[in-house]
N, C-alpha and C. Protein backbone atom coordinates (compact mmCIF):
# COMPACT_ATOMS: atom_id res chain seq x y z
N UNK A 1 40.26 -129.56 41.40
CA UNK A 1 40.88 -129.17 40.15
C UNK A 1 41.73 -127.90 40.30
N UNK A 2 41.23 -126.84 41.00
CA UNK A 2 42.06 -125.65 41.17
C UNK A 2 43.33 -125.93 41.95
N UNK A 3 43.26 -126.84 42.92
CA UNK A 3 44.47 -127.17 43.69
C UNK A 3 45.49 -127.86 42.80
N UNK A 4 45.02 -128.74 41.93
CA UNK A 4 45.93 -129.44 41.02
C UNK A 4 46.60 -128.44 40.07
N UNK A 5 45.82 -127.48 39.59
CA UNK A 5 46.38 -126.45 38.72
C UNK A 5 47.40 -125.60 39.46
N UNK A 6 47.12 -125.27 40.72
CA UNK A 6 48.04 -124.48 41.52
C UNK A 6 49.35 -125.25 41.76
N UNK A 7 49.26 -126.53 42.05
CA UNK A 7 50.46 -127.36 42.25
C UNK A 7 51.26 -127.44 40.96
N UNK A 8 50.58 -127.60 39.83
CA UNK A 8 51.27 -127.68 38.54
C UNK A 8 52.01 -126.38 38.25
N UNK A 9 51.37 -125.24 38.52
CA UNK A 9 52.03 -123.95 38.29
C UNK A 9 53.23 -123.76 39.20
N UNK A 10 53.14 -124.20 40.44
CA UNK A 10 54.27 -124.11 41.35
C UNK A 10 55.43 -124.97 40.89
N UNK A 11 55.15 -126.16 40.42
CA UNK A 11 56.21 -127.05 39.93
C UNK A 11 56.87 -126.45 38.70
N UNK A 12 56.07 -125.94 37.77
CA UNK A 12 56.64 -125.33 36.56
C UNK A 12 57.48 -124.11 36.91
N UNK A 13 56.99 -123.26 37.82
CA UNK A 13 57.77 -122.08 38.19
C UNK A 13 59.06 -122.45 38.92
N UNK A 14 59.04 -123.57 39.64
CA UNK A 14 60.24 -124.02 40.33
C UNK A 14 61.25 -124.61 39.35
N UNK A 15 60.78 -125.32 38.32
CA UNK A 15 61.68 -125.98 37.38
C UNK A 15 62.16 -125.06 36.25
N UNK A 16 61.47 -123.99 35.97
CA UNK A 16 61.82 -123.12 34.85
C UNK A 16 63.22 -122.53 34.98
N UNK A 17 63.63 -121.94 36.11
CA UNK A 17 65.00 -121.42 36.18
C UNK A 17 66.05 -122.52 36.06
N UNK A 18 65.75 -123.70 36.61
CA UNK A 18 66.70 -124.82 36.51
C UNK A 18 66.87 -125.24 35.05
N UNK A 19 65.79 -125.31 34.31
CA UNK A 19 65.87 -125.71 32.90
C UNK A 19 66.61 -124.66 32.08
N UNK A 20 66.37 -123.38 32.37
CA UNK A 20 67.08 -122.33 31.65
C UNK A 20 68.56 -122.36 31.96
N UNK A 21 68.93 -122.64 33.20
CA UNK A 21 70.34 -122.70 33.58
C UNK A 21 71.02 -123.87 32.87
N UNK A 22 70.34 -125.00 32.77
CA UNK A 22 70.94 -126.15 32.10
C UNK A 22 71.07 -125.91 30.60
N UNK A 23 70.15 -125.16 30.00
CA UNK A 23 70.27 -124.86 28.58
C UNK A 23 71.44 -123.91 28.32
N UNK A 24 71.73 -123.03 29.28
CA UNK A 24 72.76 -122.03 29.07
C UNK A 24 74.16 -122.62 29.07
N UNK A 25 74.38 -123.70 29.79
CA UNK A 25 75.72 -124.28 29.90
C UNK A 25 75.71 -125.64 29.23
N UNK A 26 76.17 -125.68 27.98
CA UNK A 26 76.21 -126.96 27.26
C UNK A 26 77.15 -126.87 26.07
N UNK A 27 77.59 -128.02 25.61
CA UNK A 27 78.37 -128.10 24.37
C UNK A 27 77.35 -128.09 23.23
N UNK A 28 77.50 -127.17 22.30
CA UNK A 28 76.50 -127.01 21.25
C UNK A 28 76.81 -127.85 20.02
N UNK A 29 78.09 -127.94 19.63
CA UNK A 29 78.43 -128.73 18.45
C UNK A 29 79.92 -129.06 18.46
N UNK A 30 80.26 -130.14 17.79
CA UNK A 30 81.65 -130.59 17.70
C UNK A 30 81.98 -130.99 16.27
N UNK A 31 83.25 -130.98 15.98
CA UNK A 31 83.74 -131.43 14.68
C UNK A 31 85.05 -132.17 14.91
N UNK A 32 85.16 -133.35 14.31
CA UNK A 32 86.38 -134.15 14.40
C UNK A 32 86.94 -134.29 12.99
N UNK A 33 88.24 -134.11 12.86
CA UNK A 33 88.90 -134.31 11.57
C UNK A 33 90.17 -135.13 11.79
N UNK A 34 90.61 -135.74 10.70
CA UNK A 34 91.79 -136.60 10.76
C UNK A 34 92.76 -136.17 9.67
N UNK A 35 94.01 -136.01 10.06
CA UNK A 35 95.08 -135.65 9.13
C UNK A 35 96.23 -136.60 9.40
N UNK A 36 96.80 -137.17 8.35
CA UNK A 36 97.88 -138.14 8.52
C UNK A 36 99.09 -137.54 9.23
N UNK A 37 99.34 -136.25 9.05
CA UNK A 37 100.48 -135.60 9.69
C UNK A 37 100.13 -135.03 11.07
N UNK A 38 98.98 -134.39 11.18
CA UNK A 38 98.59 -133.72 12.42
C UNK A 38 97.98 -134.66 13.44
N UNK A 39 97.30 -135.68 13.00
CA UNK A 39 96.61 -136.59 13.90
C UNK A 39 95.13 -136.32 13.94
N UNK A 40 94.51 -136.61 15.06
CA UNK A 40 93.07 -136.42 15.25
C UNK A 40 92.84 -135.07 15.91
N UNK A 41 91.98 -134.24 15.29
CA UNK A 41 91.74 -132.88 15.74
C UNK A 41 90.27 -132.70 16.11
N UNK A 42 90.03 -131.98 17.18
CA UNK A 42 88.67 -131.72 17.65
C UNK A 42 88.45 -130.22 17.77
N UNK A 43 87.33 -129.76 17.23
CA UNK A 43 86.89 -128.38 17.39
C UNK A 43 85.52 -128.42 18.04
N UNK A 44 85.23 -127.45 18.89
CA UNK A 44 83.94 -127.46 19.59
C UNK A 44 83.48 -126.04 19.89
N UNK A 45 82.17 -125.90 19.93
CA UNK A 45 81.53 -124.66 20.35
C UNK A 45 80.64 -124.98 21.54
N UNK A 46 80.67 -124.12 22.54
CA UNK A 46 79.83 -124.32 23.71
C UNK A 46 79.29 -122.98 24.17
N UNK A 47 78.36 -123.05 25.09
CA UNK A 47 77.80 -121.85 25.70
C UNK A 47 78.13 -121.91 27.18
N UNK A 48 79.39 -121.91 27.49
CA UNK A 48 79.90 -122.07 28.84
C UNK A 48 80.05 -120.70 29.47
N UNK A 49 79.17 -120.36 30.41
CA UNK A 49 79.16 -119.04 31.02
C UNK A 49 79.58 -119.13 32.49
N UNK A 50 80.33 -118.15 32.93
CA UNK A 50 80.67 -118.04 34.35
C UNK A 50 79.55 -117.30 35.08
N UNK A 51 79.23 -117.77 36.26
CA UNK A 51 78.22 -117.07 37.05
C UNK A 51 78.86 -115.83 37.68
N UNK A 52 78.05 -114.91 38.22
CA UNK A 52 78.60 -113.65 38.76
C UNK A 52 79.64 -113.86 39.88
N UNK A 53 79.46 -114.88 40.70
CA UNK A 53 80.42 -115.12 41.78
C UNK A 53 81.78 -115.52 41.21
N UNK A 54 81.81 -116.38 40.20
CA UNK A 54 83.08 -116.78 39.60
C UNK A 54 83.73 -115.63 38.84
N UNK A 55 82.93 -114.80 38.18
CA UNK A 55 83.48 -113.63 37.49
C UNK A 55 84.14 -112.70 38.51
N UNK A 56 83.49 -112.50 39.65
CA UNK A 56 84.03 -111.62 40.69
C UNK A 56 85.35 -112.17 41.23
N UNK A 57 85.39 -113.47 41.46
CA UNK A 57 86.62 -114.10 41.97
C UNK A 57 87.75 -113.96 40.96
N UNK A 58 87.45 -114.16 39.67
CA UNK A 58 88.48 -114.04 38.63
C UNK A 58 88.98 -112.60 38.52
N UNK A 59 88.06 -111.64 38.63
CA UNK A 59 88.45 -110.23 38.54
C UNK A 59 89.29 -109.78 39.73
N UNK A 60 89.23 -110.52 40.82
CA UNK A 60 90.05 -110.21 42.00
C UNK A 60 91.43 -110.89 41.94
N UNK A 61 91.68 -111.67 40.89
CA UNK A 61 93.02 -112.22 40.70
C UNK A 61 93.18 -113.71 40.92
N UNK A 62 92.12 -114.43 41.28
CA UNK A 62 92.24 -115.88 41.44
C UNK A 62 92.19 -116.55 40.08
N UNK A 63 93.15 -117.42 39.80
CA UNK A 63 93.17 -118.15 38.53
C UNK A 63 92.07 -119.20 38.52
N UNK A 64 91.35 -119.26 37.40
CA UNK A 64 90.33 -120.28 37.20
C UNK A 64 90.87 -121.31 36.22
N UNK A 65 90.63 -122.58 36.51
CA UNK A 65 91.09 -123.67 35.66
C UNK A 65 89.87 -124.32 35.04
N UNK A 66 89.82 -124.30 33.72
CA UNK A 66 88.71 -124.88 32.97
C UNK A 66 89.24 -126.07 32.18
N UNK A 67 88.51 -127.16 32.21
CA UNK A 67 88.98 -128.41 31.61
C UNK A 67 87.97 -128.94 30.61
N UNK A 68 88.47 -129.39 29.47
CA UNK A 68 87.66 -130.12 28.50
C UNK A 68 88.02 -131.60 28.63
N UNK A 69 87.04 -132.43 28.95
CA UNK A 69 87.24 -133.88 29.08
C UNK A 69 86.68 -134.57 27.84
N UNK A 70 87.48 -135.46 27.27
CA UNK A 70 87.05 -136.22 26.09
C UNK A 70 87.25 -137.69 26.36
N UNK A 71 86.22 -138.48 26.12
CA UNK A 71 86.28 -139.93 26.23
C UNK A 71 85.86 -140.54 24.90
N UNK A 72 86.65 -141.50 24.43
CA UNK A 72 86.33 -142.19 23.18
C UNK A 72 86.27 -143.68 23.48
N UNK A 73 85.17 -144.31 23.07
CA UNK A 73 84.99 -145.75 23.26
C UNK A 73 84.67 -146.42 21.93
N UNK A 74 85.03 -147.69 21.86
CA UNK A 74 84.71 -148.49 20.68
C UNK A 74 83.58 -149.44 21.06
N UNK A 75 82.42 -149.33 20.35
CA UNK A 75 81.31 -150.21 20.71
C UNK A 75 81.61 -151.67 20.33
N UNK A 76 81.23 -152.58 21.23
CA UNK A 76 81.38 -154.02 20.97
C UNK A 76 80.05 -154.68 21.29
N UNK A 77 79.58 -155.53 20.41
CA UNK A 77 78.29 -156.18 20.62
C UNK A 77 78.37 -157.33 21.61
N UNK A 78 79.53 -157.87 21.81
CA UNK A 78 79.65 -159.08 22.63
C UNK A 78 80.10 -158.81 24.06
N UNK A 79 80.46 -157.57 24.38
CA UNK A 79 80.93 -157.25 25.72
C UNK A 79 80.75 -155.76 25.94
N UNK A 80 81.26 -155.25 27.05
CA UNK A 80 81.20 -153.82 27.30
C UNK A 80 82.02 -153.07 26.25
N UNK A 81 81.65 -151.82 26.03
CA UNK A 81 82.42 -150.98 25.11
C UNK A 81 83.85 -150.85 25.61
N UNK A 82 84.79 -150.82 24.67
CA UNK A 82 86.21 -150.72 25.02
C UNK A 82 86.60 -149.25 25.07
N UNK A 83 87.20 -148.84 26.20
CA UNK A 83 87.69 -147.47 26.35
C UNK A 83 88.95 -147.31 25.49
N UNK A 84 88.89 -146.47 24.48
CA UNK A 84 90.02 -146.28 23.57
C UNK A 84 90.95 -145.20 24.11
N UNK A 85 90.37 -144.08 24.51
CA UNK A 85 91.20 -143.02 25.10
C UNK A 85 90.36 -142.11 25.97
N UNK A 86 91.05 -141.48 26.90
CA UNK A 86 90.46 -140.49 27.78
C UNK A 86 91.49 -139.40 27.99
N UNK A 87 91.20 -138.21 27.48
CA UNK A 87 92.16 -137.10 27.54
C UNK A 87 91.47 -135.86 28.06
N UNK A 88 92.28 -134.90 28.49
CA UNK A 88 91.74 -133.62 28.94
C UNK A 88 92.65 -132.50 28.48
N UNK A 89 92.05 -131.34 28.36
CA UNK A 89 92.77 -130.12 27.99
C UNK A 89 92.42 -129.08 29.05
N UNK A 90 93.45 -128.45 29.63
CA UNK A 90 93.24 -127.52 30.74
C UNK A 90 93.67 -126.11 30.35
N UNK A 91 92.75 -125.15 30.54
CA UNK A 91 93.04 -123.74 30.36
C UNK A 91 93.11 -123.09 31.74
N UNK A 92 94.01 -122.15 31.88
CA UNK A 92 94.08 -121.34 33.09
C UNK A 92 93.81 -119.90 32.69
N UNK A 93 92.83 -119.29 33.36
CA UNK A 93 92.50 -117.89 33.11
C UNK A 93 92.87 -117.10 34.35
N UNK A 94 93.72 -116.09 34.16
CA UNK A 94 94.17 -115.31 35.31
C UNK A 94 94.18 -113.83 34.97
N UNK A 95 94.11 -113.03 36.02
CA UNK A 95 94.12 -111.58 35.88
C UNK A 95 95.23 -111.00 36.73
N UNK A 96 96.06 -110.17 36.14
CA UNK A 96 97.12 -109.48 36.86
C UNK A 96 96.64 -108.06 37.12
N UNK A 97 96.30 -107.77 38.37
CA UNK A 97 95.75 -106.46 38.71
C UNK A 97 96.77 -105.34 38.60
N UNK A 98 98.05 -105.68 38.77
CA UNK A 98 99.09 -104.66 38.70
C UNK A 98 99.19 -104.06 37.30
N UNK A 99 99.19 -104.90 36.28
CA UNK A 99 99.27 -104.40 34.91
C UNK A 99 97.92 -104.43 34.19
N UNK A 100 96.86 -104.85 34.91
CA UNK A 100 95.49 -104.88 34.39
C UNK A 100 95.41 -105.65 33.07
N UNK A 101 95.86 -106.88 33.14
CA UNK A 101 95.87 -107.70 31.93
C UNK A 101 95.37 -109.11 32.24
N UNK A 102 94.54 -109.61 31.33
CA UNK A 102 94.05 -110.98 31.41
C UNK A 102 94.99 -111.87 30.64
N UNK A 103 95.10 -113.12 31.07
CA UNK A 103 95.98 -114.08 30.40
C UNK A 103 95.29 -115.44 30.38
N UNK A 104 95.39 -116.10 29.23
CA UNK A 104 94.90 -117.46 29.09
C UNK A 104 96.10 -118.36 28.84
N UNK A 105 96.26 -119.37 29.68
CA UNK A 105 97.38 -120.30 29.54
C UNK A 105 96.85 -121.66 29.14
N UNK A 106 97.55 -122.26 28.21
CA UNK A 106 97.24 -123.61 27.74
C UNK A 106 98.57 -124.35 27.65
N UNK A 107 98.83 -125.15 28.66
CA UNK A 107 100.14 -125.80 28.73
C UNK A 107 101.20 -124.74 28.99
N UNK A 108 102.24 -124.71 28.16
CA UNK A 108 103.30 -123.71 28.33
C UNK A 108 103.03 -122.44 27.53
N UNK A 109 101.95 -122.41 26.78
CA UNK A 109 101.59 -121.23 25.98
C UNK A 109 100.69 -120.31 26.79
N UNK A 110 101.07 -119.05 26.91
CA UNK A 110 100.26 -118.06 27.62
C UNK A 110 99.99 -116.89 26.68
N UNK A 111 98.72 -116.55 26.52
CA UNK A 111 98.34 -115.47 25.61
C UNK A 111 97.66 -114.35 26.38
N UNK A 112 98.07 -113.09 26.15
CA UNK A 112 97.35 -111.98 26.77
C UNK A 112 96.06 -111.70 26.00
N UNK A 113 95.00 -111.38 26.71
CA UNK A 113 93.73 -111.02 26.10
C UNK A 113 93.20 -109.76 26.78
N UNK A 114 92.22 -109.11 26.16
CA UNK A 114 91.74 -107.82 26.64
C UNK A 114 90.78 -107.90 27.82
N UNK A 115 89.99 -109.00 27.88
CA UNK A 115 88.96 -109.05 28.92
C UNK A 115 88.68 -110.51 29.30
N UNK A 116 87.91 -110.67 30.35
CA UNK A 116 87.50 -112.00 30.77
C UNK A 116 86.62 -112.65 29.71
N UNK A 117 85.79 -111.86 29.04
CA UNK A 117 84.95 -112.42 27.98
C UNK A 117 85.79 -112.94 26.82
N UNK A 118 86.87 -112.23 26.47
CA UNK A 118 87.77 -112.72 25.41
C UNK A 118 88.44 -114.02 25.84
N UNK A 119 88.83 -114.09 27.10
CA UNK A 119 89.44 -115.31 27.61
C UNK A 119 88.46 -116.47 27.56
N UNK A 120 87.22 -116.22 27.96
CA UNK A 120 86.21 -117.28 27.93
C UNK A 120 85.87 -117.70 26.50
N UNK A 121 85.96 -116.78 25.55
CA UNK A 121 85.71 -117.14 24.15
C UNK A 121 86.73 -118.17 23.66
N UNK A 122 87.96 -118.08 24.16
CA UNK A 122 88.97 -119.06 23.76
C UNK A 122 88.62 -120.45 24.28
N UNK A 123 87.95 -120.51 25.41
CA UNK A 123 87.53 -121.80 25.97
C UNK A 123 86.24 -122.27 25.31
N UNK A 124 85.31 -121.35 25.12
CA UNK A 124 84.01 -121.71 24.54
C UNK A 124 84.11 -122.18 23.09
N UNK A 125 85.01 -121.61 22.33
CA UNK A 125 85.12 -121.92 20.90
C UNK A 125 86.56 -122.32 20.58
N UNK A 126 86.92 -123.54 20.97
CA UNK A 126 88.30 -123.95 20.69
C UNK A 126 88.35 -124.72 19.38
N UNK A 127 89.50 -124.61 18.71
CA UNK A 127 89.67 -125.19 17.38
C UNK A 127 90.92 -126.06 17.33
N UNK A 128 90.77 -127.16 16.60
CA UNK A 128 91.86 -128.07 16.24
C UNK A 128 92.71 -128.49 17.43
N UNK A 129 92.06 -129.00 18.44
CA UNK A 129 92.74 -129.62 19.57
C UNK A 129 93.23 -130.99 19.12
N UNK A 130 94.52 -131.21 19.13
CA UNK A 130 95.09 -132.50 18.75
C UNK A 130 94.95 -133.43 19.94
N UNK A 131 93.91 -134.26 19.91
CA UNK A 131 93.62 -135.12 21.06
C UNK A 131 94.22 -136.51 20.94
N UNK A 132 94.70 -136.89 19.74
CA UNK A 132 95.30 -138.21 19.58
C UNK A 132 96.24 -138.19 18.38
N UNK A 133 97.19 -139.11 18.41
CA UNK A 133 98.11 -139.26 17.28
C UNK A 133 97.36 -139.82 16.08
N UNK A 134 97.96 -139.72 14.92
CA UNK A 134 97.29 -140.15 13.68
C UNK A 134 96.94 -141.63 13.68
N UNK A 135 97.75 -142.46 14.35
CA UNK A 135 97.49 -143.90 14.33
C UNK A 135 96.74 -144.40 15.58
N UNK A 136 96.26 -143.49 16.42
CA UNK A 136 95.57 -143.90 17.65
C UNK A 136 94.19 -144.47 17.37
N UNK A 137 93.52 -143.97 16.32
CA UNK A 137 92.19 -144.44 15.95
C UNK A 137 92.21 -144.88 14.49
N UNK A 138 91.35 -145.81 14.17
CA UNK A 138 91.21 -146.28 12.79
C UNK A 138 90.24 -145.34 12.07
N UNK A 139 90.66 -144.67 10.99
CA UNK A 139 89.76 -143.73 10.30
C UNK A 139 88.55 -144.40 9.65
N UNK A 140 88.60 -145.71 9.47
CA UNK A 140 87.48 -146.43 8.86
C UNK A 140 86.51 -147.01 9.89
N UNK A 141 86.84 -146.92 11.16
CA UNK A 141 85.99 -147.49 12.22
C UNK A 141 85.04 -146.43 12.77
N UNK A 142 84.07 -146.89 13.54
CA UNK A 142 83.12 -146.00 14.18
C UNK A 142 83.33 -146.05 15.69
N UNK A 143 83.40 -144.87 16.31
CA UNK A 143 83.62 -144.75 17.75
C UNK A 143 82.53 -143.87 18.34
N UNK A 144 82.28 -144.08 19.61
CA UNK A 144 81.42 -143.19 20.38
C UNK A 144 82.32 -142.27 21.19
N UNK A 145 81.93 -141.01 21.26
CA UNK A 145 82.74 -140.05 22.00
C UNK A 145 81.83 -139.17 22.85
N UNK A 146 82.43 -138.64 23.91
CA UNK A 146 81.73 -137.74 24.83
C UNK A 146 82.65 -136.59 25.18
N UNK A 147 82.10 -135.39 25.23
CA UNK A 147 82.88 -134.20 25.55
C UNK A 147 82.11 -133.37 26.58
N UNK A 148 82.84 -132.82 27.53
CA UNK A 148 82.25 -131.87 28.47
C UNK A 148 83.29 -130.83 28.86
N UNK A 149 82.83 -129.67 29.27
CA UNK A 149 83.67 -128.62 29.82
C UNK A 149 83.28 -128.44 31.28
N UNK A 150 84.29 -128.17 32.13
CA UNK A 150 83.99 -128.01 33.55
C UNK A 150 85.02 -127.10 34.20
N UNK A 151 84.61 -126.52 35.31
CA UNK A 151 85.51 -125.76 36.15
C UNK A 151 86.24 -126.78 37.02
N UNK A 152 87.55 -126.80 36.95
CA UNK A 152 88.35 -127.79 37.66
C UNK A 152 88.82 -127.19 38.98
N UNK A 153 88.07 -127.49 40.05
CA UNK A 153 88.40 -126.93 41.36
C UNK A 153 89.54 -127.68 42.03
N UNK A 154 89.91 -128.83 41.52
CA UNK A 154 90.99 -129.60 42.14
C UNK A 154 92.35 -128.92 41.99
N UNK A 155 92.47 -127.97 41.07
CA UNK A 155 93.75 -127.27 40.87
C UNK A 155 93.83 -125.95 41.64
N UNK A 156 92.78 -125.62 42.36
CA UNK A 156 92.81 -124.40 43.18
C UNK A 156 93.58 -124.65 44.47
N UNK A 157 93.95 -123.57 45.14
CA UNK A 157 94.58 -123.68 46.46
C UNK A 157 93.59 -124.30 47.44
N UNK A 158 94.09 -124.98 48.46
CA UNK A 158 93.25 -125.72 49.42
C UNK A 158 92.10 -124.90 50.01
N UNK A 159 92.33 -123.67 50.49
CA UNK A 159 91.20 -122.93 51.06
C UNK A 159 90.06 -122.72 50.06
N UNK A 160 90.41 -122.51 48.80
CA UNK A 160 89.38 -122.32 47.79
C UNK A 160 88.69 -123.64 47.44
N UNK A 161 89.41 -124.76 47.54
CA UNK A 161 88.78 -126.05 47.31
C UNK A 161 87.72 -126.33 48.36
N UNK A 162 88.00 -125.97 49.62
CA UNK A 162 87.02 -126.16 50.70
C UNK A 162 85.79 -125.29 50.42
N UNK A 163 86.02 -124.05 50.02
CA UNK A 163 84.91 -123.15 49.69
C UNK A 163 84.12 -123.70 48.50
N UNK A 164 84.81 -124.25 47.52
CA UNK A 164 84.14 -124.78 46.33
C UNK A 164 83.26 -125.97 46.67
N UNK A 165 83.68 -126.79 47.64
CA UNK A 165 82.87 -127.94 48.03
C UNK A 165 81.60 -127.52 48.75
N UNK A 166 81.63 -126.35 49.39
CA UNK A 166 80.48 -125.88 50.17
C UNK A 166 79.56 -124.95 49.40
N UNK A 167 79.91 -124.62 48.15
CA UNK A 167 79.12 -123.66 47.38
C UNK A 167 78.76 -124.24 46.02
N UNK A 168 77.50 -124.14 45.66
CA UNK A 168 77.06 -124.66 44.36
C UNK A 168 77.53 -123.76 43.22
N UNK A 169 77.93 -122.52 43.51
CA UNK A 169 78.40 -121.62 42.46
C UNK A 169 79.70 -122.12 41.83
N UNK A 170 80.44 -122.95 42.55
CA UNK A 170 81.72 -123.46 42.05
C UNK A 170 81.56 -124.77 41.28
N UNK A 171 80.40 -125.35 41.27
CA UNK A 171 80.21 -126.63 40.56
C UNK A 171 79.63 -126.35 39.18
N UNK A 172 80.46 -125.86 38.30
CA UNK A 172 80.05 -125.47 36.96
C UNK A 172 80.58 -126.50 35.96
N UNK A 173 79.67 -127.13 35.23
CA UNK A 173 80.07 -128.11 34.21
C UNK A 173 78.95 -128.27 33.20
N UNK A 174 79.32 -128.54 31.96
CA UNK A 174 78.32 -128.86 30.95
C UNK A 174 77.95 -130.33 31.09
N UNK A 175 76.76 -130.70 30.66
CA UNK A 175 76.47 -132.13 30.60
C UNK A 175 77.33 -132.77 29.50
N UNK A 176 77.49 -134.07 29.56
CA UNK A 176 78.25 -134.76 28.52
C UNK A 176 77.55 -134.59 27.18
N UNK A 177 78.32 -134.29 26.16
CA UNK A 177 77.80 -134.18 24.78
C UNK A 177 78.26 -135.42 24.02
N UNK A 178 77.32 -136.26 23.63
CA UNK A 178 77.64 -137.49 22.91
C UNK A 178 77.66 -137.23 21.41
N UNK A 179 78.65 -137.82 20.74
CA UNK A 179 78.75 -137.72 19.29
C UNK A 179 79.49 -138.94 18.77
N UNK A 180 79.52 -139.08 17.44
CA UNK A 180 80.18 -140.22 16.80
C UNK A 180 81.42 -139.76 16.06
N UNK A 181 82.41 -140.63 16.05
CA UNK A 181 83.58 -140.45 15.19
C UNK A 181 83.51 -141.58 14.18
N UNK A 182 83.15 -141.25 12.96
CA UNK A 182 82.95 -142.25 11.91
C UNK A 182 83.39 -141.64 10.58
N UNK A 183 83.62 -142.48 9.56
CA UNK A 183 84.06 -141.93 8.27
C UNK A 183 83.10 -140.89 7.69
N UNK A 184 81.80 -141.07 7.89
CA UNK A 184 80.83 -140.13 7.34
C UNK A 184 80.69 -138.84 8.16
N UNK A 185 81.25 -138.79 9.36
CA UNK A 185 81.13 -137.59 10.19
C UNK A 185 82.43 -136.78 10.26
N UNK A 186 83.50 -137.26 9.67
CA UNK A 186 84.77 -136.53 9.74
C UNK A 186 84.66 -135.22 8.98
N UNK A 187 85.05 -134.13 9.64
CA UNK A 187 85.02 -132.81 9.02
C UNK A 187 83.64 -132.17 9.00
N UNK A 188 82.63 -132.81 9.60
CA UNK A 188 81.26 -132.29 9.61
C UNK A 188 80.92 -131.86 11.03
N UNK A 189 80.32 -130.68 11.16
CA UNK A 189 79.88 -130.23 12.49
C UNK A 189 78.69 -131.05 12.92
N UNK A 190 78.76 -131.60 14.13
CA UNK A 190 77.68 -132.41 14.68
C UNK A 190 77.01 -131.68 15.83
N UNK A 191 75.68 -131.55 15.78
CA UNK A 191 74.98 -130.90 16.90
C UNK A 191 74.93 -131.81 18.09
């Protein structure tokens, strides 16, 4: 009996940091809204944290690319679910050491921010991402959707990609967050 208790304590102590790390990096809630002029809009809150190694690399001037992946499927009872759309949104966070300024780029838009934490807040709490045109989805239908945030190492320079493949510190991603897009959930925050 004491050996069994000792083994159980060892397993719990080994799994506790892993469970805490997984809780720290996740999408917490999402909201989908539909506007006839704007289209389909997505807002999300997450607890996406950079580890100390990634913070150090960013502070030394390497641009980090963070991506939000969204998949929307239409459930079908008679066959596999139909993939309706798959889109991504990419942020680039960079630091210019010469002028000591952080910058967050989203497409052709680049915004100066005061710190790395301010830059990460723009990624963690994004609002009204137009992910589809107004007629891409039927507002009366029900869809399944999944969202995740991840560090996109494929956009780094080759030497850093090799380093990223060999280091677990570079494999940062939230688990997929499943939610519904349905008439009763439009404009409502979903946990």
